[in-house]
C-alpha atoms as a PDB file:
ATOM      1  CA  MET A   1     -16.473  -0.518  -9.263  1.00  0.00           C
ATOM      2  CA  LEU A   2     -14.145  -0.679  -6.264  1.00  0.00           C
ATOM      3  CA  LEU A   3     -10.697   0.828  -6.855  1.00  0.00           C
ATOM      4  CA  LEU A   4      -8.071  -0.416  -4.409  1.00  0.00           C
ATOM      5  CA  PHE A   5      -4.923   1.707  -4.305  1.00  0.00           C
ATOM      6  CA  ASP A   6      -1.479   0.970  -2.950  1.00  0.00           C
ATOM      7  CA  ILE A   7       0.143   3.907  -1.112  1.00  0.00           C
ATOM      8  CA  ASP A   8       3.948   4.023  -1.310  1.00  0.00           C
ATOM      9  CA  GLY A   9       5.155   4.585  -4.853  1.00  0.00           C
ATOM     10  CA  THR A  10       1.608   4.779  -6.187  1.00  0.00           C
ATOM     11  CA  LEU A  11      -0.086   7.660  -4.369  1.00  0.00           C
ATOM     12  CA  THR A  12       2.880   9.079  -2.466  1.00  0.00           C
ATOM     13  CA  TRP A  13       6.654   9.083  -2.262  1.00  0.00           C
ATOM     14  CA  GLY A  14       9.206   9.719   0.472  1.00  0.00           C
ATOM     15  CA  GLY A  15       8.587  10.551   4.091  1.00  0.00           C
ATOM     16  CA  PRO A  16      10.300   9.258   7.248  1.00  0.00           C
ATOM     17  CA  ALA A  17       8.868   5.724   7.413  1.00  0.00           C
ATOM     18  CA  LYS A  18      12.118   3.841   6.765  1.00  0.00           C
ATOM     19  CA  GLU A  19      13.974   5.854   9.401  1.00  0.00           C
ATOM     20  CA  ALA A  20      11.125   5.376  11.878  1.00  0.00           C
ATOM     21  CA  PHE A  21      11.082   1.647  11.095  1.00  0.00           C
ATOM     22  CA  GLN A  22      14.814   1.432  11.743  1.00  0.00           C
ATOM     23  CA  VAL A  23      14.484   3.210  15.093  1.00  0.00           C
ATOM     24  CA  GLY A  24      11.634   0.907  16.079  1.00  0.00           C
ATOM     25  CA  LEU A  25      13.567  -2.241  15.188  1.00  0.00           C
ATOM     26  CA  GLU A  26      16.642  -1.111  17.085  1.00  0.00           C
ATOM     27  CA  SER A  27      14.681  -0.119  20.174  1.00  0.00           C
ATOM     28  CA  VAL A  28      12.850  -3.456  20.359  1.00  0.00           C
ATOM     29  CA  PHE A  29      15.322  -5.980  18.937  1.00  0.00           C
ATOM     30  CA  GLY A  30      18.632  -4.185  19.377  1.00  0.00           C
ATOM     31  CA  THR A  31      19.307  -4.263  15.647  1.00  0.00           C
ATOM     32  CA  SER A  32      17.690  -3.173  12.405  1.00  0.00           C
ATOM     33  CA  GLY A  33      19.453  -5.891  10.437  1.00  0.00           C
ATOM     34  CA  PRO A  34      20.739  -5.180   6.921  1.00  0.00           C
ATOM     35  CA  ILE A  35      18.084  -2.522   6.360  1.00  0.00           C
ATOM     36  CA  GLU A  36      20.076  -0.345   3.956  1.00  0.00           C
ATOM     37  CA  ASP A  37      20.226  -2.962   1.208  1.00  0.00           C
ATOM     38  CA  HIS A  38      16.901  -4.675   1.897  1.00  0.00           C
ATOM     39  CA  GLU A  39      14.131  -4.589  -0.715  1.00  0.00           C
ATOM     40  CA  PHE A  40      10.913  -3.111   0.723  1.00  0.00           C
ATOM     41  CA  SER A  41       8.854  -2.645  -2.464  1.00  0.00           C
ATOM     42  CA  GLY A  42       5.464  -4.345  -2.467  1.00  0.00           C
ATOM     43  CA  LYS A  43       5.991  -6.147   0.842  1.00  0.00           C
ATOM     44  CA  THR A  44       3.961  -5.853   4.022  1.00  0.00           C
ATOM     45  CA  ASP A  45       5.471  -4.266   7.112  1.00  0.00           C
ATOM     46  CA  PRO A  46       5.344  -7.573   9.047  1.00  0.00           C
ATOM     47  CA  GLN A  47       7.060  -9.399   6.170  1.00  0.00           C
ATOM     48  CA  ILE A  48       9.825  -6.784   6.051  1.00  0.00           C
ATOM     49  CA  ALA A  49      10.355  -6.872   9.812  1.00  0.00           C
ATOM     50  CA  ARG A  50      10.597 -10.656   9.901  1.00  0.00           C
ATOM     51  CA  GLU A  51      12.943 -10.793   6.915  1.00  0.00           C
ATOM     52  CA  LEU A  52      15.280  -8.219   8.465  1.00  0.00           C
ATOM     53  CA  MET A  53      15.348  -9.895  11.857  1.00  0.00           C
ATOM     54  CA  GLU A  54      15.884 -13.330  10.320  1.00  0.00           C
ATOM     55  CA  ARG A  55      18.782 -11.943   8.284  1.00  0.00           C
ATOM     56  CA  ALA A  56      20.142 -10.480  11.528  1.00  0.00           C
ATOM     57  CA  GLY A  57      20.118 -14.000  12.981  1.00  0.00           C
ATOM     58  CA  LEU A  58      17.312 -13.648  15.522  1.00  0.00           C
ATOM     59  CA  PRO A  59      15.293 -16.803  16.290  1.00  0.00           C
ATOM     60  CA  ARG A  60      11.635 -16.908  15.333  1.00  0.00           C
ATOM     61  CA  GLU A  61      10.531 -17.038  18.959  1.00  0.00           C
ATOM     62  CA  GLU A  62      12.276 -13.753  19.734  1.00  0.00           C
ATOM     63  CA  ILE A  63      10.797 -12.094  16.649  1.00  0.00           C
ATOM     64  CA  ASP A  64       7.296 -13.292  17.557  1.00  0.00           C
ATOM     65  CA  ALA A  65       7.682 -11.992  21.099  1.00  0.00           C
ATOM     66  CA  GLY A  66       8.706  -8.508  19.971  1.00  0.00           C
ATOM     67  CA  ILE A  67       6.563  -7.868  16.929  1.00  0.00           C
ATOM     68  CA  ASP A  68       3.679  -6.066  18.707  1.00  0.00           C
ATOM     69  CA  ALA A  69       6.107  -3.827  20.581  1.00  0.00           C
ATOM     70  CA  LEU A  70       7.750  -3.009  17.252  1.00  0.00           C
ATOM     71  CA  TRP A  71       4.549  -1.484  15.861  1.00  0.00           C
ATOM     72  CA  ASP A  72       4.112   0.629  18.978  1.00  0.00           C
ATOM     73  CA  ALA A  73       7.680   1.937  18.736  1.00  0.00           C
ATOM     74  CA  TYR A  74       7.561   2.443  14.978  1.00  0.00           C
ATOM     75  CA  LEU A  75       4.274   4.343  15.017  1.00  0.00           C
ATOM     76  CA  VAL A  76       5.353   6.662  17.816  1.00  0.00           C
ATOM     77  CA  GLU A  77       8.482   7.508  15.849  1.00  0.00           C
ATOM     78  CA  LEU A  78       6.614   7.860  12.539  1.00  0.00           C
ATOM     79  CA  GLU A  79       4.026  10.198  14.054  1.00  0.00           C
ATOM     80  CA  ARG A  80       6.787  12.325  15.571  1.00  0.00           C
ATOM     81  CA  ARG A  81       8.812  12.593  12.378  1.00  0.00           C
ATOM     82  CA  ILE A  82       6.094  12.947   9.766  1.00  0.00           C
ATOM     83  CA  VAL A  83       5.061  16.385  11.020  1.00  0.00           C
ATOM     84  CA  ASP A  84       8.264  17.850   9.589  1.00  0.00           C
ATOM     85  CA  GLN A  85       8.762  15.244   6.829  1.00  0.00           C
ATOM     86  CA  PRO A  86       5.366  14.664   5.205  1.00  0.00           C
ATOM     87  CA  VAL A  87       5.115  12.328   2.264  1.00  0.00           C
ATOM     88  CA  THR A  88       4.998  13.817  -1.232  1.00  0.00           C
ATOM     89  CA  VAL A  89       1.826  13.328  -3.283  1.00  0.00           C
ATOM     90  CA  LEU A  90       2.749  12.002  -6.710  1.00  0.00           C
ATOM     91  CA  PRO A  91       1.728  13.958  -9.853  1.00  0.00           C
ATOM     92  CA  GLY A  92      -1.961  13.835 -10.729  1.00  0.00           C
ATOM     93  CA  VAL A  93      -2.983  11.842  -7.660  1.00  0.00           C
ATOM     94  CA  ALA A  94      -4.972  14.552  -5.856  1.00  0.00           C
ATOM     95  CA  GLU A  95      -6.799  15.546  -9.038  1.00  0.00           C
ATOM     96  CA  LEU A  96      -7.616  11.939  -9.946  1.00  0.00           C
ATOM     97  CA  LEU A  97      -8.895  11.077  -6.473  1.00  0.00           C
ATOM     98  CA  GLY A  98     -11.036  14.197  -6.432  1.00  0.00           C
ATOM     99  CA  VAL A  99     -12.772  13.174  -9.645  1.00  0.00           C
ATOM    100  CA  LEU A 100     -13.154   9.534  -8.619  1.00  0.00           C
ATOM    101  CA  ASP A 101     -14.512  10.461  -5.201  1.00  0.00           C
ATOM    102  CA  SER A 102     -17.300  12.484  -6.803  1.00  0.00           C
ATOM    103  CA  SER A 103     -18.363   9.618  -9.098  1.00  0.00           C
ATOM    104  CA  LEU A 104     -21.463   7.782  -7.931  1.00  0.00           C
ATOM    105  CA  ASP A 105     -20.392   4.445  -9.408  1.00  0.00           C
ATOM    106  CA  VAL A 106     -16.848   4.456  -7.977  1.00  0.00           C
ATOM    107  CA  PHE A 107     -15.786   3.340  -4.492  1.00  0.00           C
ATOM    108  CA  LEU A 108     -12.270   3.919  -3.183  1.00  0.00           C
ATOM    109  CA  GLY A 109     -10.195   1.769  -0.851  1.00  0.00           C
ATOM    110  CA  LEU A 110      -6.660   0.694  -0.081  1.00  0.00           C
ATOM    111  CA  VAL A 111      -4.566  -2.431  -0.386  1.00  0.00           C
ATOM    112  CA  THR A 112      -1.253  -1.613   1.248  1.00  0.00           C
ATOM    113  CA  GLY A 113       1.539  -3.370   3.080  1.00  0.00           C
ATOM    114  CA  ASN A 114       1.561  -0.604   5.682  1.00  0.00           C
ATOM    115  CA  VAL A 115       0.117  -1.392   9.078  1.00  0.00           C
ATOM    116  CA  GLU A 116      -3.184   0.459   9.319  1.00  0.00           C
ATOM    117  CA  ARG A 117      -2.120   3.291  11.628  1.00  0.00           C
ATOM    118  CA  GLY A 118       1.014   3.865   9.544  1.00  0.00           C
ATOM    119  CA  ALA A 119      -1.071   4.084   6.381  1.00  0.00           C
ATOM    120  CA  HIS A 120      -3.326   6.717   7.926  1.00  0.00           C
ATOM    121  CA  LEU A 121      -0.376   8.731   9.229  1.00  0.00           C
ATOM    122  CA  LYS A 122       1.161   8.824   5.754  1.00  0.00           C
ATOM    123  CA  LEU A 123      -2.081   9.709   3.993  1.00  0.00           C
ATOM    124  CA  GLY A 124      -2.941  12.248   6.676  1.00  0.00           C
ATOM    125  CA  SER A 125       0.350  14.066   6.113  1.00  0.00           C
ATOM    126  CA  ALA A 126      -0.617  14.335   2.444  1.00  0.00           C
ATOM    127  CA  GLY A 127      -4.257  15.339   2.995  1.00  0.00           C
ATOM    128  CA  LEU A 128      -5.560  12.146   1.372  1.00  0.00           C
ATOM    129  CA  THR A 129      -7.062  10.236   4.297  1.00  0.00           C
ATOM    130  CA  ASP A 130     -10.712  11.091   3.639  1.00  0.00           C
ATOM    131  CA  PHE A 131     -10.712   9.430   0.230  1.00  0.00           C
ATOM    132  CA  PHE A 132     -10.248   5.940   1.696  1.00  0.00           C
ATOM    133  CA  PRO A 133     -12.774   4.719   4.271  1.00  0.00           C
ATOM    134  CA  VAL A 134     -11.735   1.047   3.958  1.00  0.00           C
ATOM    135  CA  GLY A 135      -8.734  -1.059   3.107  1.00  0.00           C
ATOM    136  CA  GLY A 136      -6.644  -4.151   3.613  1.00  0.00           C
ATOM    137  CA  PHE A 137      -3.435  -3.481   5.558  1.00  0.00           C
ATOM    138  CA  GLY A 138      -0.201  -5.156   6.551  1.00  0.00           C
ATOM    139  CA  SER A 139      -1.555  -5.334  10.097  1.00  0.00           C
ATOM    140  CA  ASP A 140      -4.276  -7.665   8.784  1.00  0.00           C
ATOM    141  CA  HIS A 141      -1.877 -10.252   7.366  1.00  0.00           C
ATOM    142  CA  ALA A 142       1.814 -10.563   6.518  1.00  0.00           C
ATOM    143  CA  ALA A 143       1.038 -12.073   3.100  1.00  0.00           C
ATOM    144  CA  ARG A 144       0.087  -9.429   0.559  1.00  0.00           C
ATOM    145  CA  ASP A 145      -2.171 -11.785  -1.399  1.00  0.00           C
ATOM    146  CA  ARG A 146      -4.406 -12.050   1.687  1.00  0.00           C
ATOM    147  CA  LEU A 147      -5.114  -8.315   1.794  1.00  0.00           C
ATOM    148  CA  PRO A 148      -7.545  -7.802  -1.139  1.00  0.00           C
ATOM    149  CA  PRO A 149     -10.147 -10.177   0.360  1.00  0.00           C
ATOM    150  CA  VAL A 150      -9.991  -8.159   3.588  1.00  0.00           C
ATOM    151  CA  ALA A 151     -10.553  -4.929   1.658  1.00  0.00           C
ATOM    152  CA  LEU A 152     -13.447  -6.481  -0.275  1.00  0.00           C
ATOM    153  CA  GLU A 153     -15.139  -7.651   2.916  1.00  0.00           C
ATOM    154  CA  ARG A 154     -14.752  -4.270   4.579  1.00  0.00           C
ATOM    155  CA  ALA A 155     -16.016  -2.469   1.490  1.00  0.00           C
ATOM    156  CA  SER A 156     -19.081  -4.722   1.395  1.00  0.00           C
ATOM    157  CA  THR A 157     -19.834  -3.940   5.029  1.00  0.00           C
ATOM    158  CA  HIS A 158     -19.152  -0.222   4.731  1.00  0.00           C
ATOM    159  CA  TRP A 159     -21.274   0.394   1.629  1.00  0.00           C
ATOM    160  CA  GLY A 160     -23.908  -2.268   2.262  1.00  0.00           C
ATOM    161  CA  ARG A 161     -23.396  -4.039  -1.040  1.00  0.00           C
ATOM    162  CA  SER A 162     -21.461  -7.092  -2.131  1.00  0.00           C
ATOM    163  CA  PHE A 163     -18.032  -6.696  -3.736  1.00  0.00           C
ATOM    164  CA  SER A 164     -16.154  -9.611  -5.265  1.00  0.00           C
ATOM    165  CA  GLY A 165     -12.759  -9.608  -6.941  1.00  0.00           C
ATOM    166  CA  ALA A 166     -14.492  -9.184 -10.287  1.00  0.00           C
ATOM    167  CA  ASP A 167     -15.875  -5.858  -9.038  1.00  0.00           C
ATOM    168  CA  ALA A 168     -12.436  -4.479  -8.152  1.00  0.00           C
ATOM    169  CA  VAL A 169      -9.329  -2.958  -9.691  1.00  0.00           C
ATOM    170  CA  VAL A 170      -6.029  -3.125  -7.793  1.00  0.00           C
ATOM    171  CA  ILE A 171      -3.698  -0.226  -8.597  1.00  0.00           C
ATOM    172  CA  GLY A 172      -0.048  -0.339  -7.543  1.00  0.00           C
ATOM    173  CA  ASP A 173       3.552   0.170  -8.540  1.00  0.00           C
ATOM    174  CA  THR A 174       5.104  -3.268  -7.996  1.00  0.00           C
ATOM    175  CA  PRO A 175       4.750  -6.819  -9.346  1.00  0.00           C
ATOM    176  CA  ARG A 176       3.455  -7.818  -5.904  1.00  0.00           C
ATOM    177  CA  ASP A 177       0.527  -5.411  -6.306  1.00  0.00           C
ATOM    178  CA  VAL A 178      -0.298  -7.046  -9.618  1.00  0.00           C
ATOM    179  CA  ALA A 179       0.010 -10.528  -8.152  1.00  0.00           C
ATOM    180  CA  CYS A 180      -2.275  -9.811  -5.187  1.00  0.00           C
ATOM    181  CA  GLY A 181      -4.910  -8.390  -7.506  1.00  0.00           C
ATOM    182  CA  LYS A 182      -4.749 -11.422  -9.773  1.00  0.00           C
ATOM    183  CA  ALA A 183      -5.011 -13.702  -6.738  1.00  0.00           C
ATOM    184  CA  VAL A 184      -8.501 -12.365  -5.997  1.00  0.00           C
ATOM    185  CA  GLY A 185      -9.638 -12.133  -9.622  1.00  0.00           C
ATOM    186  CA  ALA A 186      -9.433  -8.336  -9.790  1.00  0.00           C
ATOM    187  CA  ALA A 187      -8.312  -6.265 -12.747  1.00  0.00           C
ATOM    188  CA  THR A 188      -4.835  -4.822 -12.243  1.00  0.00           C
ATOM    189  CA  VAL A 189      -3.239  -1.485 -13.131  1.00  0.00           C
ATOM    190  CA  ALA A 190       0.509  -1.073 -12.698  1.00  0.00           C
ATOM    191  CA  VAL A 191       1.947   2.434 -12.414  1.00  0.00           C
ATOM    192  CA  ALA A 192       5.644   3.080 -13.073  1.00  0.00           C
ATOM    193  CA  THR A 193       6.054   5.694 -10.341  1.00  0.00           C
ATOM    194  CA  GLY A 194       7.933   3.427  -7.933  1.00  0.00           C
ATOM    195  CA  ARG A 195      11.112   1.383  -8.305  1.00  0.00           C
ATOM    196  CA  PHE A 196       9.971  -0.658 -11.305  1.00  0.00           C
ATOM    197  CA  THR A 197      10.014   0.489 -14.913  1.00  0.00           C
ATOM    198  CA  ALA A 198       7.014   0.204 -17.207  1.00  0.00           C
ATOM    199  CA  ALA A 199       8.768  -2.642 -19.037  1.00  0.00           C
ATOM    200  CA  GLU A 200       9.392  -4.542 -15.796  1.00  0.00           C
ATOM    201  CA  LEU A 201       5.785  -4.085 -14.755  1.00  0.00           C
ATOM    202  CA  ARG A 202       4.477  -5.109 -18.169  1.00  0.00           C
ATOM    203  CA  ALA A 203       6.397  -8.381 -17.832  1.00  0.00           C
ATOM    204  CA  CYS A 204       4.301  -9.410 -14.814  1.00  0.00           C
ATOM    205  CA  GLY A 205       1.084  -9.250 -16.826  1.00  0.00           C
ATOM    206  CA  PRO A 206      -1.138  -6.458 -15.475  1.00  0.00           C
ATOM    207  CA  ASP A 207      -4.216  -5.477 -17.455  1.00  0.00           C
ATOM    208  CA  THR A 208      -2.877  -1.938 -17.922  1.00  0.00           C
ATOM    209  CA  VAL A 209       0.477  -0.214 -17.390  1.00  0.00           C
ATOM    210  CA  LEU A 210       0.619   3.550 -16.838  1.00  0.00           C
ATOM    211  CA  GLN A 211       3.718   5.714 -16.709  1.00  0.00           C
ATOM    212  CA  ASP A 212       2.099   7.800 -13.956  1.00  0.00           C
ATOM    213  CA  LEU A 213      -1.291   9.187 -12.897  1.00  0.00           C
ATOM    214  CA  SER A 214      -0.795  12.730 -14.187  1.00  0.00           C
ATOM    215  CA  ASP A 215      -3.130  12.489 -17.203  1.00  0.00           C
ATOM    216  CA  THR A 216      -6.433  12.503 -15.326  1.00  0.00           C
ATOM    217  CA  GLU A 217      -8.652  12.050 -18.381  1.00  0.00           C
ATOM    218  CA  GLY A 218      -6.465   9.295 -19.787  1.00  0.00           C
ATOM    219  CA  VAL A 219      -6.367   7.416 -16.481  1.00  0.00           C
ATOM    220  CA  LEU A 220     -10.132   7.729 -16.155  1.00  0.00           C
ATOM    221  CA  ARG A 221     -10.587   6.238 -19.622  1.00  0.00           C
ATOM    222  CA  ASP A 222      -8.367   3.308 -18.701  1.00  0.00           C
ATOM    223  CA  LEU A 223     -10.213   2.710 -15.433  1.00  0.00           C
ATOM    224  CA  ARG A 224     -13.621   3.021 -17.078  1.00  0.00           C
ATOM    225  CA  SER A 225     -12.668   0.186 -19.426  1.00  0.00           C
ATOM    226  CA  PHE A 226     -12.985  -2.181 -16.459  1.00  0.00           C
ATOM    227  CA  PHE A 227     -16.498  -1.057 -15.563  1.00  0.00           C
ATOM    228  CA  PRO A 228     -19.413  -3.281 -16.588  1.00  0.00           C
END
């Protein structure tokens, strides 16, 4: 079984990414738009950037022309800041990943809206990078629903076996995580460690809702229920 984890709000919390993103936007476009009241949860980095710049009134052509430079500026700033402001690993995550990583019938990957280098910088600051050899990232596509197929293809190549949506579980903290898992036919686990309550997550129809990942044995039982 392939377990595909989101990062922000699921595995980790905090860190300097929003500040680094703001600096990058301002250095490339001259504005960060209405970033303070903008909803980031469950979106890809490219989607967020385009939404902010559109709300700031920039034409599409100008956004398209600057988007690659934005990632360069953002990642430089994120790498500089994250040394002193590492992300926080959420309760139970390190223990759970340690057990899953040692299981012969479990494969671990990512489905995250972060651009790939940003994802690795965040996980690296938390000591979690080595658990995730593959993933689908915001740098692969701006639409979150397009990321699980990327992760499945990379997992198939990496481990030399075929993975379909039916072989996967998508684990995240937002309705968008649930929706992208459903889009590929994967099982979905919603975790209420982000900005959405368990009740709000339950309303979007995941297969399982967890308050957090702190009960390692309980989470393992829930995940095992999806195994053939």
